[in-house]
């Protein structure tokens, strides 16, 4: 990420979260401190109605643990 982009997102108090599927990975931008249900609403407003839970992990922990399986086993992911 470029220095200008980092400074801009910090100034605007924004963060990105990623969603993954078999065919794509997408980055979504939300205000820092947003609740998971509100983040789901960024993807699609209907997701707010049926929202149940989110599994969350930092990108660094995800990479360090080689994905979800090891992250769950080492309890790095949070529901």
Protein backbone atom coordinates (compact mmCIF):
# COMPACT_ATOMS: atom_id res chain seq x y z
CA UNK A 1 0.00 0.00 0.00
CA UNK A 2 1.41 3.38 -0.93
CA UNK A 3 2.24 5.96 1.72
CA UNK A 4 -0.46 8.33 0.48
CA UNK A 5 -3.11 5.59 0.60
CA UNK A 6 -2.06 4.54 4.12
CA UNK A 7 -2.20 8.13 5.35
CA UNK A 8 -5.56 8.73 3.68
CA UNK A 9 -7.21 5.64 5.18
CA UNK A 10 -5.78 6.46 8.60
CA UNK A 11 -6.96 10.08 8.37
CA UNK A 12 -10.45 8.94 7.34
CA UNK A 13 -10.48 6.25 10.07
CA UNK A 14 -11.08 3.44 7.56
CA UNK A 15 -10.00 -0.21 7.44
CA UNK A 16 -10.39 -2.96 4.87
CA UNK A 17 -11.74 -6.45 5.37
CA UNK A 18 -11.47 -9.34 2.96
CA UNK A 19 -14.00 -11.89 1.84
CA UNK A 20 -12.96 -15.06 0.05
CA UNK A 21 -14.66 -17.57 -2.16
CA UNK A 22 -13.55 -20.28 -4.51
CA UNK A 23 -13.17 -17.88 -7.43
CA UNK A 24 -12.36 -14.49 -5.91
CA UNK A 25 -11.07 -12.45 -3.00
CA UNK A 26 -12.55 -9.00 -2.43
CA UNK A 27 -11.54 -6.11 -0.21
CA UNK A 28 -14.25 -3.96 1.39
CA UNK A 29 -13.76 -0.62 3.15
CA UNK A 30 -15.50 0.24 6.41
CA UNK A 31 -15.09 2.70 9.27
CA UNK A 32 -12.70 1.43 11.94
CA UNK A 33 -14.65 0.06 14.90
CA UNK A 34 -17.67 -0.99 12.83
CA UNK A 35 -19.59 -4.03 14.03
CA UNK A 36 -19.46 -7.21 11.95
CA UNK A 37 -23.15 -6.94 11.10
CA UNK A 38 -22.57 -3.44 9.69
CA UNK A 39 -19.62 -4.71 7.66
CA UNK A 40 -21.87 -7.44 6.24
CA UNK A 41 -24.29 -4.70 5.20
CA UNK A 42 -21.56 -3.11 3.08
CA UNK A 43 -21.48 -6.26 0.97
CA UNK A 44 -25.26 -6.41 0.64
CA UNK A 45 -27.96 -4.78 2.75
CA UNK A 46 -29.97 -8.04 2.96
CA UNK A 47 -27.05 -9.62 4.84
CA UNK A 48 -27.94 -7.48 7.87
CA UNK A 49 -31.31 -9.24 8.31
CA UNK A 50 -29.89 -12.78 8.33
CA UNK A 51 -26.55 -12.07 9.97
CA UNK A 52 -25.52 -14.79 12.44
CA UNK A 53 -21.77 -14.54 13.07
CA UNK A 54 -18.40 -13.66 11.61
CA UNK A 55 -15.10 -15.41 11.99
CA UNK A 56 -12.31 -12.85 12.28
CA UNK A 57 -8.52 -13.08 12.10
CA UNK A 58 -5.77 -10.60 11.31
CA UNK A 59 -4.15 -11.01 7.92
CA UNK A 60 -0.76 -11.47 9.59
CA UNK A 61 -2.04 -14.34 11.79
CA UNK A 62 -3.82 -15.94 8.85
CA UNK A 63 -0.61 -15.99 6.80
CA UNK A 64 1.59 -17.04 9.75
CA UNK A 65 -0.74 -20.00 10.45
CA UNK A 66 -1.07 -21.03 6.79
CA UNK A 67 -4.82 -20.44 6.62
CA UNK A 68 -8.03 -21.09 8.52
CA UNK A 69 -7.39 -24.65 9.68
CA UNK A 70 -4.22 -23.89 11.63
CA UNK A 71 -5.57 -20.55 12.80
CA UNK A 72 -8.60 -22.29 14.31
CA UNK A 73 -6.40 -24.93 15.92
CA UNK A 74 -4.14 -22.31 17.50
CA UNK A 75 -7.24 -20.25 18.41
CA UNK A 76 -6.08 -17.21 16.45
CA UNK A 77 -9.49 -16.79 14.82
CA UNK A 78 -12.38 -15.30 16.78
CA UNK A 79 -16.09 -15.85 16.24
